[in-house]
Amino acid sequence: MKDKEYGPNSANRLIVEGEASGSVLVCPEGLSFWGGVDPKTGIIVDAHHPNHGDCIAGKCLLMPTSRGSCSGSGVLLQLALDELAPSMIIFSESEQVLTLGSIVCDRIFSVQIPIIRLTKHCYEAAANSTWIELRDHQLQIGNKQIALEPILLNQLKLSDTDRTYLNGDHGQAAKAAMETMCIMGAVENASELVNVDRGHIDGCILAHDANLIFAEKMVQLEARVTIPTTINAISVDRENWQTSGLPPDFGERASRLADAYITMGVKPTFTCAPYLLRDKPKFGEKIGWSESNAVIFANTVLGARTQKHPDYLDLFIAMTGRAPSVGVYSASGRAAKVKIEIDIPEDWSPDDEIIWPLIGWLAGKLAPDKIPLLGGLESLTPTTDDLKALCAAFGTTSGEPMLHILGHTPEASAQPQQNLTTEKINLDNLREAWFELNRGLEQIDLVAIGSPHASIDEIRKVVTLLNGRKCHPRTQLKITTARFTKQQADSEGITEILKHAGIQLMVDLCWCSIIEPIFPANAMGLMTNSGKYAHYAHGLSNRHSRLGSLKDCVNAATSGHAALEPPSWLACQSN
C-alpha cells in the first residue's frame, strides 16, 4: 500500500499527545470499531476481519487506517472509560474517526489514548516489534528511537466568528467544539474551515453508555446547534418502547439519549437515510454529516459535499456551522484514484437486486483507502434503493466517503479514466462475496429489512411479493423505517396489510441498534437484504446471517427456510 503524505512532508507525527506503552497488535487491514470491536471487552468481533478474536485492550494497536462506521469514535470513548482501550494507536495513513474519539477522550474526559502516524518505513519497523513505549515525544522500538513531531495548531486560518467561539463568547460547549474543530483541522492539514449548511448526528444509538454520557455532558454545558440538523436512527421507538418488552432501564436511557439531542435543537427525524427526506441536500451543497451510508450516498448520488465525519464531531460541526476544509469538500479531493471494472454475469436478472450490495462490498475491499470509479454498469438501470444498498455495503469495507459510478452518478463522467490503476470484479468475485455474507443457517427465524431504513418503494415491493401469503409460524419479518415513511405506509393501507401477514413495521430504530428482546433471543437463523447488516450482524448479534434479495427475504419469511446455494446467475464458473 502506498505511503500517503501527511501534511507537507511525510514526518512521523504525534497526533494526540500522551505517554504509553504496550505489546504490539498488528491489524493488516483497517478495522471499524463499531460493529467490529465489542465495547464491553475490547475483543475484535468482526467475523470478516483477519484479527477476529484478538483483544485490543492495553495493546499498542497498529493498522493502516480505520474503516467502516463513523461510530467508532464512540466505541473508543466507551473502551477508554472502562479502561479497555488500546494504550496507543499507530496508523500509517491519515485517519479521522478514532483520532476524533481520542481527542474527545482527552479534551472532555481527561483520558489519554495517544494517536501516532508513522512513515511507511517506521511503521514497518513498529509492526515487526513486540513492545513499544512512547515517552517525551519519542517512540522506543527495541533499540531504535523515533522522534515524533507534534501537530501545529497555528497554521489554520480562522474567521473572526471562529475566534469568538475560541474566546468562549458562545459558551463553554461551543468553545470546546471549536477547539476540537481546530485540532481536527490541523490533523487533516486544513488551511481553513468551511461553512456547512446542514448537519446529521450519528452518535445517538445506545450501543454503549458512552454516547449517553457524552450527550448529557454537552447538554450540561448548554450545547446548541446553529444549523438545521437531522438525527440518525436511535435504539428504540421513542414513543412506544414501553410496549416492546425492553427492560425499562434500557428504554429510559435510550430515550434520554434522544432527548439530549432534541434539547440541543436537533430535528427528531430518527433516520439513517436522511437523503430520503423531502428536503435533501442539493448538488454541490456543503454539509456536515456522519453515518457512513448517508455520507457515501450524499456525496456519490446527490453530489453534495461532506467528509465522513466521526461521531461527536458531527455535533461540533452542527454547533458551529463549520468544518475543516479538506478531502471531498474540494473538487480535487473528489477525484477517483482507481477504476474498478465490473463484469455483470450474463444470466443476471434486474429482479435480483442482491448484486448491488455485493458490488459495493467488493468495491470497498478493492478501494479501502481511495475513491473508486466503477465501470461496466452503464447499461443497467439501478433504482435509488439499489444505489442505497451499494453505498451502504461499500461503507463497511472502505474508509472512503464516496465513489463514482459511470452512467449513474453526477460526477462520474468528469473523472479521468486514463492513468488510473485498474481492478476487476468478475463472476467468481461475486460468488465468493455471496458465500462470505451467507454464513447463516438454512432455517430462518428472523428476517431483517431496513438497514439503512427501508424506503416506501421497498415496503410496497414487500407487499407485492407477499401476494397474500403470511409469515411462517416460527419466522418473524421486521422492517425498520423512518417515521415519515411509515406515515405514508399508513395512509396507503400498507401497514395493515403487513400486520395481517405477521410483519412488523418499526420506526426510529435500525437493525444496527436492535438488541434483545426486539431481536428475539431464540432467533438463531437470520436473513437480511442488507449487505451492511450482513457484514456487521455477527459482531452485533452473535449470529451469522444469510443475504438475499427482497424476494428471497419474503420467501424465507413465508417458508421458514433460505436457500443454501447462490442464485442461478452465480452458479456457474467464469471462463
Protein backbone atom coordinates (compact mmCIF):
# COMPACT_ATOMS: atom_id res chain seq x y z
CA MET A 1 0.00 0.00 0.00
CA LYS A 2 1.35 3.37 -0.97
CA ASP A 3 2.52 5.56 1.90
CA LYS A 4 0.40 8.69 1.87
CA GLU A 5 1.78 12.13 2.57
CA TYR A 6 0.56 13.64 5.80
CA GLY A 7 0.86 17.37 5.53
CA PRO A 8 3.67 18.94 3.54
CA ASN A 9 6.06 16.08 4.27
CA SER A 10 5.96 12.53 5.48
CA ALA A 11 7.16 13.23 9.02
CA ASN A 12 6.34 10.94 11.90
CA ARG A 13 3.58 12.70 13.81
CA LEU A 14 2.23 12.62 17.35
CA ILE A 15 -1.39 13.42 16.54
CA VAL A 16 -2.86 13.18 20.05
CA GLU A 17 -0.34 13.53 22.86
CA GLY A 18 0.29 11.29 25.83
CA GLU A 19 2.66 8.67 27.20
CA ALA A 20 2.03 4.95 26.97
CA SER A 21 3.48 1.51 26.37
CA GLY A 22 2.18 -1.87 25.33
CA SER A 23 2.66 -5.09 23.46
CA VAL A 24 2.08 -4.80 19.72
CA LEU A 25 -1.07 -5.95 17.93
CA VAL A 26 -0.93 -5.50 14.15
CA CYS A 27 -4.06 -5.36 12.00
CA PRO A 28 -3.08 -5.84 8.35
CA GLU A 29 -6.25 -4.06 7.23
CA GLY A 30 -8.46 -1.31 8.63
CA LEU A 31 -10.98 -2.08 11.35
CA SER A 32 -14.33 -0.49 12.15
CA PHE A 33 -14.54 -0.19 15.92
CA TRP A 34 -18.33 -0.01 15.69
CA GLY A 35 -19.60 -3.49 14.86
CA GLY A 36 -16.00 -4.69 14.83
CA VAL A 37 -14.94 -4.34 18.48
CA ASP A 38 -17.00 -5.38 21.49
CA PRO A 39 -17.19 -2.20 23.64
CA LYS A 40 -17.62 -4.35 26.77
CA THR A 41 -14.48 -6.46 26.29
CA GLY A 42 -12.20 -4.90 23.67
CA ILE A 43 -12.33 -8.12 21.62
CA ILE A 44 -12.46 -7.84 17.81
CA VAL A 45 -15.82 -9.36 16.80
CA ASP A 46 -15.84 -8.56 13.07
CA ALA A 47 -16.10 -12.08 11.67
CA HIS A 48 -14.69 -10.91 8.33
CA HIS A 49 -11.54 -9.32 9.77
CA PRO A 50 -8.23 -11.23 9.92
CA ASN A 51 -7.80 -10.29 13.62
CA HIS A 52 -11.18 -11.68 14.65
CA GLY A 53 -10.95 -12.84 18.28
CA ASP A 54 -7.95 -10.69 19.23
CA CYS A 55 -8.25 -8.30 22.18
CA ILE A 56 -7.10 -4.68 21.73
CA ALA A 57 -7.25 -3.72 25.43
CA GLY A 58 -3.94 -2.28 26.60
CA LYS A 59 -2.25 -3.06 23.29
CA CYS A 60 -0.20 -0.84 21.07
CA LEU A 61 -2.59 -1.17 18.12
CA LEU A 62 -1.23 -0.79 14.58
CA MET A 63 -3.36 -0.58 11.46
CA PRO A 64 -3.08 1.34 8.16
CA THR A 65 -6.21 3.36 8.94
CA SER A 66 -9.72 2.72 10.22
CA ARG A 67 -12.70 1.88 8.05
CA GLY A 68 -16.44 1.49 8.24
CA SER A 69 -18.72 3.29 10.64
CA CYS A 70 -18.44 6.86 11.90
CA SER A 71 -19.48 5.47 15.30
CA GLY A 72 -16.04 4.07 16.02
CA SER A 73 -15.18 7.24 17.94
CA GLY A 74 -17.92 6.46 20.46
CA VAL A 75 -16.75 2.88 20.88
CA LEU A 76 -13.25 4.16 21.62
CA LEU A 77 -14.65 6.52 24.26
CA GLN A 78 -16.53 3.65 25.90
CA LEU A 79 -13.41 1.47 25.90
CA ALA A 80 -11.44 4.34 27.41
CA LEU A 81 -13.98 4.97 30.17
CA ASP A 82 -13.85 1.26 31.06
CA GLU A 83 -10.03 1.08 30.80
CA LEU A 84 -10.25 -1.35 27.89
CA ALA A 85 -8.86 0.91 25.17
CA PRO A 86 -5.56 0.36 23.36
CA SER A 87 -2.65 2.01 25.15
CA MET A 88 -1.93 3.86 21.88
CA ILE A 89 -2.93 3.60 18.22
CA ILE A 90 -0.43 3.88 15.37
CA PHE A 91 -1.52 4.49 11.76
CA SER A 92 0.41 4.56 8.51
CA GLU A 93 -2.19 6.73 6.75
CA SER A 94 -4.45 9.63 7.61
CA GLU A 95 -7.38 8.75 9.87
CA GLN A 96 -10.24 10.72 11.43
CA VAL A 97 -12.72 8.52 13.31
CA LEU A 98 -10.55 7.09 16.07
CA THR A 99 -8.46 10.25 16.13
CA LEU A 100 -11.54 12.29 16.97
CA GLY A 101 -12.53 9.73 19.59
CA SER A 102 -9.13 10.12 21.21
CA ILE A 103 -9.40 13.93 21.16
CA VAL A 104 -12.79 13.75 22.90
CA CYS A 105 -11.36 11.32 25.46
CA ASP A 106 -8.58 13.80 26.19
CA ARG A 107 -10.33 17.19 25.94
CA ILE A 108 -13.67 16.36 27.55
CA PHE A 109 -12.98 13.32 29.77
CA SER A 110 -9.26 13.70 30.59
CA VAL A 111 -8.34 10.20 29.39
CA GLN A 112 -5.32 9.91 27.10
CA ILE A 113 -5.01 7.49 24.17
CA PRO A 114 -2.07 8.71 22.08
CA ILE A 115 -2.56 8.67 18.31
CA ILE A 116 0.53 8.41 16.10
CA ARG A 117 1.11 8.45 12.39
CA LEU A 118 4.33 6.93 11.04
CA THR A 119 6.01 6.89 7.67
CA LYS A 120 5.97 3.60 5.82
CA HIS A 121 9.49 2.61 6.86
CA CYS A 122 8.96 3.40 10.55
CA TYR A 123 5.51 1.78 10.54
CA GLU A 124 7.04 -1.45 9.23
CA ALA A 125 9.66 -1.33 11.98
CA ALA A 126 6.95 -0.90 14.59
CA ALA A 127 4.88 -3.71 13.09
CA ASN A 128 7.83 -6.07 13.36
CA SER A 129 8.37 -5.33 17.06
CA THR A 130 6.71 -6.86 20.12
CA TRP A 131 6.74 -3.92 22.56
CA ILE A 132 6.59 -0.14 22.06
CA GLU A 133 6.96 2.74 24.50
CA LEU A 134 6.00 6.38 23.98
CA ARG A 135 7.83 8.92 26.17
CA ASP A 136 8.72 12.58 25.65
CA HIS A 137 7.53 12.66 22.01
CA GLN A 138 9.64 9.60 21.13
CA LEU A 139 8.78 6.03 20.30
CA GLN A 140 11.10 3.37 21.68
CA ILE A 141 11.04 0.32 19.41
CA GLY A 142 13.66 -2.14 20.65
CA ASN A 143 16.93 -0.21 20.47
CA LYS A 144 15.51 2.24 17.91
CA GLN A 145 14.11 5.66 18.80
CA ILE A 146 11.72 7.55 16.52
CA ALA A 147 11.21 11.26 17.14
CA LEU A 148 7.63 12.43 16.71
CA GLU A 149 6.58 15.89 15.56
CA PRO A 150 3.54 17.39 17.32
CA ILE A 151 0.61 18.81 15.39
CA LEU A 152 0.87 22.57 14.77
CA LEU A 153 -2.32 24.49 15.52
CA ASN A 154 -1.26 27.94 14.35
CA GLN A 155 -1.44 27.29 10.60
CA LEU A 156 -5.24 27.24 10.38
CA LYS A 157 -6.81 30.43 9.02
CA LEU A 158 -9.75 31.37 11.23
CA SER A 159 -12.56 33.86 10.73
CA ASP A 160 -13.47 36.50 13.29
CA THR A 161 -16.52 34.42 14.20
CA ASP A 162 -14.34 31.34 14.69
CA ARG A 163 -12.26 33.31 17.16
CA THR A 164 -15.33 34.36 19.13
CA TYR A 165 -16.05 30.66 19.63
CA LEU A 166 -12.47 30.07 20.79
CA ASN A 167 -12.71 33.01 23.14
CA GLY A 168 -15.72 31.45 24.85
CA ASP A 169 -18.17 34.13 23.71
CA HIS A 170 -20.77 31.45 22.84
CA GLY A 171 -20.34 29.37 25.97
CA GLN A 172 -18.13 26.57 27.23
CA ALA A 173 -19.60 23.88 24.99
CA ALA A 174 -19.18 25.95 21.83
CA LYS A 175 -15.62 26.78 22.87
CA ALA A 176 -14.81 23.05 23.25
CA ALA A 177 -16.46 22.39 19.88
CA MET A 178 -14.33 24.95 18.06
CA GLU A 179 -11.16 23.86 19.87
CA THR A 180 -11.78 20.30 18.71
CA MET A 181 -12.54 21.56 15.20
CA CYS A 182 -9.20 23.35 15.08
CA ILE A 183 -7.33 20.27 16.28
CA MET A 184 -9.01 18.12 13.62
CA GLY A 185 -8.26 20.79 11.03
CA ALA A 186 -4.59 20.66 11.96
CA VAL A 187 -4.65 16.85 11.97
CA GLU A 188 -6.08 16.84 8.45
CA ASN A 189 -3.69 19.61 7.32
CA ALA A 190 -6.55 22.02 6.55
CA SER A 191 -5.67 25.61 5.80
CA GLU A 192 -9.12 26.90 6.77
CA LEU A 193 -12.61 25.95 7.88
CA VAL A 194 -15.59 25.83 5.53
CA ASN A 195 -19.22 26.83 6.12
CA VAL A 196 -21.73 23.97 6.05
CA ASP A 197 -25.48 24.37 5.55
CA ARG A 198 -26.89 21.38 7.45
CA GLY A 199 -25.82 18.59 9.78
CA HIS A 200 -26.71 14.99 10.62
CA ILE A 201 -25.99 13.44 14.03
CA ASP A 202 -24.94 9.79 14.20
CA GLY A 203 -23.86 9.14 17.80
CA CYS A 204 -27.38 8.66 19.17
CA ILE A 205 -27.52 4.87 19.44
CA LEU A 206 -27.32 3.37 22.94
CA ALA A 207 -24.86 0.70 21.83
CA HIS A 208 -22.91 1.60 24.96
CA ASP A 209 -23.13 4.16 27.74
CA ALA A 210 -20.51 6.50 26.29
CA ASN A 211 -22.93 8.05 23.80
CA LEU A 212 -25.34 8.95 26.61
CA ILE A 213 -22.55 10.21 28.86
CA PHE A 214 -21.22 12.44 26.07
CA ALA A 215 -24.62 13.82 25.02
CA GLU A 216 -25.74 14.64 28.55
CA LYS A 217 -22.36 16.22 29.25
CA MET A 218 -22.91 18.52 26.26
CA VAL A 219 -26.43 19.38 27.43
CA GLN A 220 -24.99 20.19 30.84
CA LEU A 221 -22.58 22.56 29.08
CA GLU A 222 -25.58 24.15 27.27
CA ALA A 223 -24.62 22.99 23.78
CA ARG A 224 -26.95 24.13 20.94
CA VAL A 225 -26.89 23.52 17.18
CA THR A 226 -26.79 26.58 14.90
CA ILE A 227 -27.69 24.98 11.54
CA PRO A 228 -30.60 22.69 10.51
CA THR A 229 -29.62 19.27 11.84
CA THR A 230 -31.24 15.86 11.50
CA ILE A 231 -30.60 12.83 13.68
CA ASN A 232 -29.91 9.19 12.97
CA ALA A 233 -31.94 6.17 13.98
CA ILE A 234 -31.91 5.53 17.72
CA SER A 235 -32.19 2.35 19.80
CA VAL A 236 -35.93 2.39 20.49
CA ASP A 237 -39.26 3.51 19.11
CA ARG A 238 -39.10 6.70 21.12
CA GLU A 239 -42.85 6.96 21.72
CA ASN A 240 -43.83 3.29 22.05
CA TRP A 241 -40.87 1.41 23.50
CA GLN A 242 -42.75 0.68 26.74
CA THR A 243 -44.85 -1.94 24.93
CA SER A 244 -41.88 -3.65 23.25
CA GLY A 245 -40.77 -5.72 26.22
CA LEU A 246 -37.49 -3.86 26.56
CA PRO A 247 -36.00 -3.54 30.04
CA PRO A 248 -37.26 -0.22 31.45
CA ASP A 249 -33.74 0.95 32.30
CA PHE A 250 -32.56 0.47 28.70
CA GLY A 251 -35.63 2.12 27.22
CA GLU A 252 -35.37 5.09 29.55
CA ARG A 253 -31.68 5.61 28.87
CA ALA A 254 -32.16 5.30 25.09
CA SER A 255 -34.94 7.89 25.29
CA ARG A 256 -32.73 10.16 27.39
CA LEU A 257 -30.07 9.97 24.70
CA ALA A 258 -32.56 11.03 22.02
CA ASP A 259 -33.97 13.73 24.31
CA ALA A 260 -30.49 15.15 24.88
CA TYR A 261 -30.04 15.86 21.20
CA ILE A 262 -33.56 17.24 20.87
CA THR A 263 -32.72 19.58 23.75
CA MET A 264 -29.71 20.75 21.73
CA GLY A 265 -32.01 21.71 18.85
CA VAL A 266 -31.76 18.67 16.58
CA LYS A 267 -34.80 17.75 14.44
CA PRO A 268 -36.38 14.44 15.61
CA THR A 269 -36.09 12.67 12.23
CA PHE A 270 -34.59 9.45 13.65
CA THR A 271 -33.50 8.01 10.31
CA CYS A 272 -30.22 6.63 8.98
CA ALA A 273 -31.36 7.56 5.46
CA PRO A 274 -31.77 11.36 5.67
CA TYR A 275 -31.25 11.51 1.90
CA LEU A 276 -34.79 10.07 1.55
CA LEU A 277 -36.30 13.09 3.31
CA ARG A 278 -38.19 15.52 1.11
CA ASP A 279 -35.70 18.26 2.00
CA LYS A 280 -32.48 16.60 0.86
CA PRO A 281 -29.09 18.20 0.11
CA LYS A 282 -28.59 19.66 -3.34
CA PHE A 283 -25.75 19.10 -5.78
CA GLY A 284 -22.63 20.93 -4.64
CA GLU A 285 -24.10 21.83 -1.22
CA LYS A 286 -21.59 21.61 1.64
CA ILE A 287 -22.99 19.67 4.58
CA GLY A 288 -21.63 18.16 7.80
CA TRP A 289 -22.91 14.59 8.09
CA SER A 290 -21.99 11.47 9.98
CA GLU A 291 -23.37 7.93 9.43
CA SER A 292 -21.26 6.19 6.82
CA ASN A 293 -24.03 5.11 4.43
CA ALA A 294 -25.62 8.57 4.48
CA VAL A 295 -22.29 10.29 3.83
CA ILE A 296 -21.46 8.00 0.92
CA PHE A 297 -24.92 8.34 -0.65
CA ALA A 298 -24.93 12.13 -0.26
CA ASN A 299 -21.54 12.50 -1.93
CA THR A 300 -21.99 9.80 -4.54
CA VAL A 301 -25.62 10.01 -5.66
CA LEU A 302 -26.69 13.54 -4.70
CA GLY A 303 -23.37 15.24 -5.41
CA ALA A 304 -23.45 17.05 -2.06
CA ARG A 305 -20.14 17.50 -0.24
CA THR A 306 -19.29 16.13 3.18
CA GLN A 307 -16.43 14.33 4.79
CA LYS A 308 -17.22 11.12 6.65
CA HIS A 309 -17.20 12.96 9.94
CA PRO A 310 -16.71 10.94 13.10
CA ASP A 311 -19.41 10.75 15.75
CA TYR A 312 -19.21 13.70 18.16
CA LEU A 313 -17.51 15.88 15.56
CA ASP A 314 -20.89 15.91 13.82
CA LEU A 315 -22.33 17.69 16.86
CA PHE A 316 -19.43 20.15 17.00
CA ILE A 317 -19.98 20.94 13.30
CA ALA A 318 -23.71 21.46 13.88
CA MET A 319 -22.91 23.77 16.81
CA THR A 320 -20.54 25.97 14.84
CA GLY A 321 -21.66 25.56 11.21
CA ARG A 322 -18.00 24.97 10.35
CA ALA A 323 -15.88 22.01 9.28
CA PRO A 324 -12.24 21.52 8.22
CA SER A 325 -11.93 22.33 4.52
CA VAL A 326 -10.33 19.09 3.39
CA GLY A 327 -10.96 15.99 1.33
CA VAL A 328 -14.21 15.82 -0.63
CA TYR A 329 -15.17 19.40 0.19
CA SER A 330 -12.99 20.36 -2.79
CA ALA A 331 -13.29 19.18 -6.38
CA SER A 332 -9.75 17.79 -6.35
CA GLY A 333 -10.49 15.77 -3.22
CA ARG A 334 -13.35 14.02 -5.03
CA ALA A 335 -11.22 12.63 -7.82
CA ALA A 336 -11.18 8.89 -8.45
CA LYS A 337 -7.86 7.16 -7.80
CA VAL A 338 -8.69 3.68 -9.08
CA LYS A 339 -11.06 2.25 -11.68
CA ILE A 340 -12.96 -0.94 -10.94
CA GLU A 341 -14.35 -2.74 -13.99
CA ILE A 342 -17.33 -4.93 -13.22
CA ASP A 343 -18.32 -7.92 -15.35
CA ILE A 344 -22.05 -8.44 -14.98
CA PRO A 345 -22.95 -12.15 -15.32
CA GLU A 346 -24.93 -12.84 -18.47
CA ASP A 347 -27.68 -14.69 -16.60
CA TRP A 348 -28.23 -11.96 -14.02
CA SER A 349 -31.73 -10.51 -13.91
CA PRO A 350 -32.53 -6.96 -12.73
CA ASP A 351 -35.12 -8.59 -10.47
CA ASP A 352 -32.28 -9.85 -8.25
CA GLU A 353 -31.11 -6.63 -6.61
CA ILE A 354 -28.67 -8.51 -4.37
CA ILE A 355 -25.97 -7.78 -6.92
CA TRP A 356 -25.79 -4.17 -5.74
CA PRO A 357 -24.64 -4.76 -2.14
CA LEU A 358 -22.27 -7.46 -3.42
CA ILE A 359 -20.70 -4.94 -5.79
CA GLY A 360 -20.48 -2.30 -3.06
CA TRP A 361 -18.90 -4.71 -0.58
CA LEU A 362 -16.32 -5.90 -3.10
CA ALA A 363 -15.56 -2.37 -4.33
CA GLY A 364 -14.79 -1.34 -0.76
CA LYS A 365 -12.40 -4.27 -0.43
CA LEU A 366 -10.59 -3.18 -3.60
CA ALA A 367 -10.58 0.50 -2.63
CA PRO A 368 -10.28 0.70 1.16
CA ASP A 369 -8.33 3.97 1.06
CA LYS A 370 -9.01 5.60 -2.31
CA ILE A 371 -12.10 6.82 -4.15
CA PRO A 372 -13.03 4.36 -6.92
CA LEU A 373 -14.69 4.82 -10.29
CA LEU A 374 -16.96 1.89 -11.13
CA GLY A 375 -17.31 0.91 -14.78
CA GLY A 376 -19.28 -1.80 -16.53
CA LEU A 377 -22.67 -0.81 -15.08
CA GLU A 378 -23.57 1.79 -17.70
CA SER A 379 -26.25 -0.33 -19.40
CA LEU A 380 -28.04 -1.09 -16.15
CA THR A 381 -30.83 0.94 -14.52
CA PRO A 382 -30.27 0.89 -10.77
CA THR A 383 -33.01 2.35 -8.60
CA THR A 384 -32.42 4.71 -5.71
CA ASP A 385 -32.74 1.69 -3.42
CA ASP A 386 -30.13 -0.22 -5.43
CA LEU A 387 -27.69 2.67 -5.08
CA LYS A 388 -28.55 2.95 -1.38
CA ALA A 389 -27.66 -0.71 -0.91
CA LEU A 390 -24.42 -0.37 -2.86
CA CYS A 391 -23.28 2.70 -0.92
CA ALA A 392 -24.10 1.14 2.46
CA ALA A 393 -22.17 -2.06 1.69
CA PHE A 394 -19.23 -0.05 0.31
CA GLY A 395 -19.05 1.78 3.64
CA THR A 396 -18.47 -1.46 5.57
CA THR A 397 -15.24 -2.34 3.76
CA SER A 398 -13.88 1.08 2.71
CA GLY A 399 -12.90 4.12 4.70
CA GLU A 400 -13.66 6.46 1.81
CA PRO A 401 -16.61 8.90 1.85
CA MET A 402 -17.72 8.34 -1.76
CA LEU A 403 -17.36 6.56 -5.07
CA HIS A 404 -18.32 7.25 -8.68
CA ILE A 405 -20.43 5.03 -10.95
CA LEU A 406 -20.18 5.64 -14.68
CA GLY A 407 -23.56 6.33 -16.20
CA HIS A 408 -25.32 6.80 -12.87
CA THR A 409 -23.74 9.36 -10.54
CA PRO A 410 -23.42 13.08 -11.30
CA GLU A 411 -19.64 13.46 -11.20
CA ALA A 412 -18.61 10.15 -12.74
CA SER A 413 -18.33 11.40 -16.32
CA ALA A 414 -15.87 14.12 -15.25
CA GLN A 415 -13.45 11.59 -13.78
CA PRO A 416 -10.29 10.87 -15.79
CA GLN A 417 -10.07 7.24 -16.85
CA GLN A 418 -6.52 7.36 -18.10
CA ASN A 419 -3.59 6.56 -15.82
CA LEU A 420 -5.86 5.05 -13.17
CA THR A 421 -4.90 1.72 -11.68
CA THR A 422 -7.49 -0.86 -12.68
CA GLU A 423 -9.15 -3.59 -10.64
CA LYS A 424 -11.84 -6.07 -11.69
CA ILE A 425 -14.91 -7.65 -10.18
CA ASN A 426 -15.98 -10.79 -12.02
CA LEU A 427 -18.39 -13.66 -11.52
CA ASP A 428 -16.01 -15.56 -9.27
CA ASN A 429 -15.58 -12.49 -7.03
CA LEU A 430 -19.35 -12.01 -6.76
CA ARG A 431 -19.82 -15.67 -5.94
CA GLU A 432 -17.12 -15.59 -3.25
CA ALA A 433 -18.70 -12.46 -1.71
CA TRP A 434 -22.09 -14.17 -1.67
CA PHE A 435 -20.71 -17.13 0.28
CA GLU A 436 -18.78 -14.83 2.66
CA LEU A 437 -22.00 -12.97 3.50
CA ASN A 438 -24.12 -16.13 3.65
CA ARG A 439 -22.70 -18.00 6.63
CA GLY A 440 -26.02 -18.25 8.44
CA LEU A 441 -28.39 -21.17 9.00
CA GLU A 442 -30.84 -22.60 6.49
CA GLN A 443 -33.75 -22.39 8.95
CA ILE A 444 -34.78 -18.74 9.23
CA ASP A 445 -36.29 -17.41 12.44
CA LEU A 446 -35.93 -13.70 11.75
CA VAL A 447 -35.88 -11.65 8.55
CA ALA A 448 -34.39 -8.16 8.97
CA ILE A 449 -35.17 -5.49 6.35
CA GLY A 450 -34.26 -1.82 6.59
CA SER A 451 -30.55 -1.25 7.13
CA PRO A 452 -30.37 1.54 6.01
CA HIS A 453 -34.02 2.41 6.60
CA ALA A 454 -36.44 0.90 4.11
CA SER A 455 -37.96 3.26 1.57
CA ILE A 456 -41.66 3.35 0.73
CA ASP A 457 -40.86 1.63 -2.58
CA GLU A 458 -39.17 -1.26 -0.77
CA ILE A 459 -42.13 -1.62 1.59
CA ARG A 460 -44.58 -1.61 -1.33
CA LYS A 461 -42.48 -4.29 -3.01
CA VAL A 462 -42.68 -6.49 0.09
CA VAL A 463 -46.49 -6.32 -0.13
CA THR A 464 -46.40 -7.24 -3.81
CA LEU A 465 -44.05 -10.16 -3.18
CA LEU A 466 -46.23 -11.46 -0.36
CA ASN A 467 -49.15 -11.85 -2.76
CA GLY A 468 -51.47 -12.68 0.12
CA ARG A 469 -49.08 -15.01 1.95
CA LYS A 470 -48.31 -14.84 5.68
CA CYS A 471 -45.14 -15.37 7.65
CA HIS A 472 -44.29 -18.91 8.69
CA PRO A 473 -45.40 -19.58 12.29
CA ARG A 474 -41.82 -19.74 13.57
CA THR A 475 -40.46 -16.85 11.44
CA GLN A 476 -40.68 -13.12 12.09
CA LEU A 477 -40.18 -10.40 9.49
CA LYS A 478 -39.41 -6.95 10.87
CA ILE A 479 -38.91 -3.82 8.75
CA THR A 480 -37.21 -0.74 10.17
CA THR A 481 -38.03 2.59 8.57
CA ALA A 482 -38.37 6.31 9.19
CA ARG A 483 -41.39 7.99 10.71
CA PHE A 484 -42.26 9.82 7.51
CA THR A 485 -42.14 6.57 5.55
CA LYS A 486 -44.42 4.76 7.98
CA GLN A 487 -46.89 7.64 7.82
CA GLN A 488 -47.05 7.15 4.06
CA ALA A 489 -47.44 3.39 4.50
CA ASP A 490 -50.26 4.04 6.99
CA SER A 491 -52.06 6.34 4.54
CA GLU A 492 -51.84 3.75 1.75
CA GLY A 493 -53.17 0.92 3.93
CA ILE A 494 -49.85 -0.92 3.67
CA THR A 495 -49.22 -1.10 7.41
CA GLU A 496 -52.43 -3.09 7.97
CA ILE A 497 -51.62 -5.49 5.12
CA LEU A 498 -48.19 -6.13 6.63
CA LYS A 499 -49.68 -6.59 10.10
CA HIS A 500 -52.16 -9.13 8.73
CA ALA A 501 -49.24 -11.04 7.21
CA GLY A 502 -47.42 -11.10 10.55
CA ILE A 503 -44.92 -8.40 9.60
CA GLN A 504 -43.92 -5.61 11.97
CA LEU A 505 -43.09 -2.11 10.70
CA MET A 506 -40.81 -0.39 13.23
CA VAL A 507 -39.82 3.30 13.35
CA ASP A 508 -36.98 5.34 14.91
CA LEU A 509 -34.61 2.39 15.32
CA CYS A 510 -32.49 0.41 12.88
CA TRP A 511 -31.01 -3.08 12.78
CA CYS A 512 -27.63 -1.68 13.68
CA SER A 513 -29.06 -0.70 17.09
CA ILE A 514 -31.54 -3.50 17.79
CA ILE A 515 -30.95 -5.75 20.79
CA GLU A 516 -32.96 -8.37 22.62
CA PRO A 517 -35.88 -8.68 23.09
CA ILE A 518 -36.75 -6.72 19.92
CA PHE A 519 -34.18 -9.04 18.40
CA PRO A 520 -35.80 -12.32 19.50
CA ALA A 521 -33.49 -14.16 21.87
CA ASN A 522 -34.45 -17.54 20.41
CA ALA A 523 -33.88 -16.44 16.80
CA MET A 524 -30.76 -18.22 15.57
CA GLY A 525 -31.38 -18.18 11.82
CA LEU A 526 -31.14 -14.63 10.45
CA MET A 527 -31.74 -13.30 6.93
CA THR A 528 -31.44 -9.79 5.53
CA ASN A 529 -31.41 -7.91 2.24
CA SER A 530 -28.74 -5.54 3.58
CA GLY A 531 -25.08 -6.04 2.74
CA LYS A 532 -24.25 -3.66 5.58
CA TYR A 533 -26.16 -5.67 8.17
CA ALA A 534 -24.93 -8.98 6.77
CA HIS A 535 -21.38 -7.73 7.31
CA TYR A 536 -21.95 -6.50 10.86
CA ALA A 537 -24.61 -8.98 12.01
CA HIS A 538 -22.31 -11.43 13.74
CA GLY A 539 -20.47 -8.74 15.65
CA LEU A 540 -23.75 -7.11 16.71
CA SER A 541 -25.97 -10.13 17.39
CA ASN A 542 -23.59 -13.10 17.61
CA ARG A 543 -25.48 -14.63 14.68
CA HIS A 544 -24.26 -15.14 11.17
CA SER A 545 -26.80 -14.11 8.57
CA ARG A 546 -27.95 -15.03 5.12
CA LEU A 547 -28.12 -12.33 2.46
CA GLY A 548 -30.74 -12.24 -0.25
CA SER A 549 -32.97 -10.05 -2.37
CA LEU A 550 -36.31 -8.78 -1.12
CA LYS A 551 -37.89 -11.70 -2.94
CA ASP A 552 -35.55 -14.11 -1.15
CA CYS A 553 -36.36 -12.47 2.18
CA VAL A 554 -40.12 -12.69 1.68
CA ASN A 555 -39.85 -16.30 0.56
CA ALA A 556 -37.74 -17.10 3.64
CA ALA A 557 -40.25 -15.37 5.91
CA THR A 558 -43.18 -17.33 4.47
CA SER A 559 -41.41 -20.71 4.22
CA GLY A 560 -39.08 -20.55 7.22
CA HIS A 561 -36.08 -21.51 5.07
CA ALA A 562 -33.41 -19.87 2.93
CA ALA A 563 -31.56 -21.36 0.00
CA LEU A 564 -28.09 -22.65 0.84
CA GLU A 565 -26.86 -22.22 -2.72
CA PRO A 566 -26.46 -18.92 -4.55
CA PRO A 567 -28.89 -17.79 -7.22
CA SER A 568 -28.54 -19.43 -10.63
CA TRP A 569 -26.72 -16.46 -12.16
CA LEU A 570 -23.90 -17.03 -9.67
CA ALA A 571 -23.87 -20.79 -10.00
CA CYS A 572 -21.56 -21.22 -12.98
CA GLN A 573 -17.84 -20.55 -13.00
CA SER A 574 -16.30 -17.89 -15.21
CA ASN A 575 -14.10 -18.91 -18.10
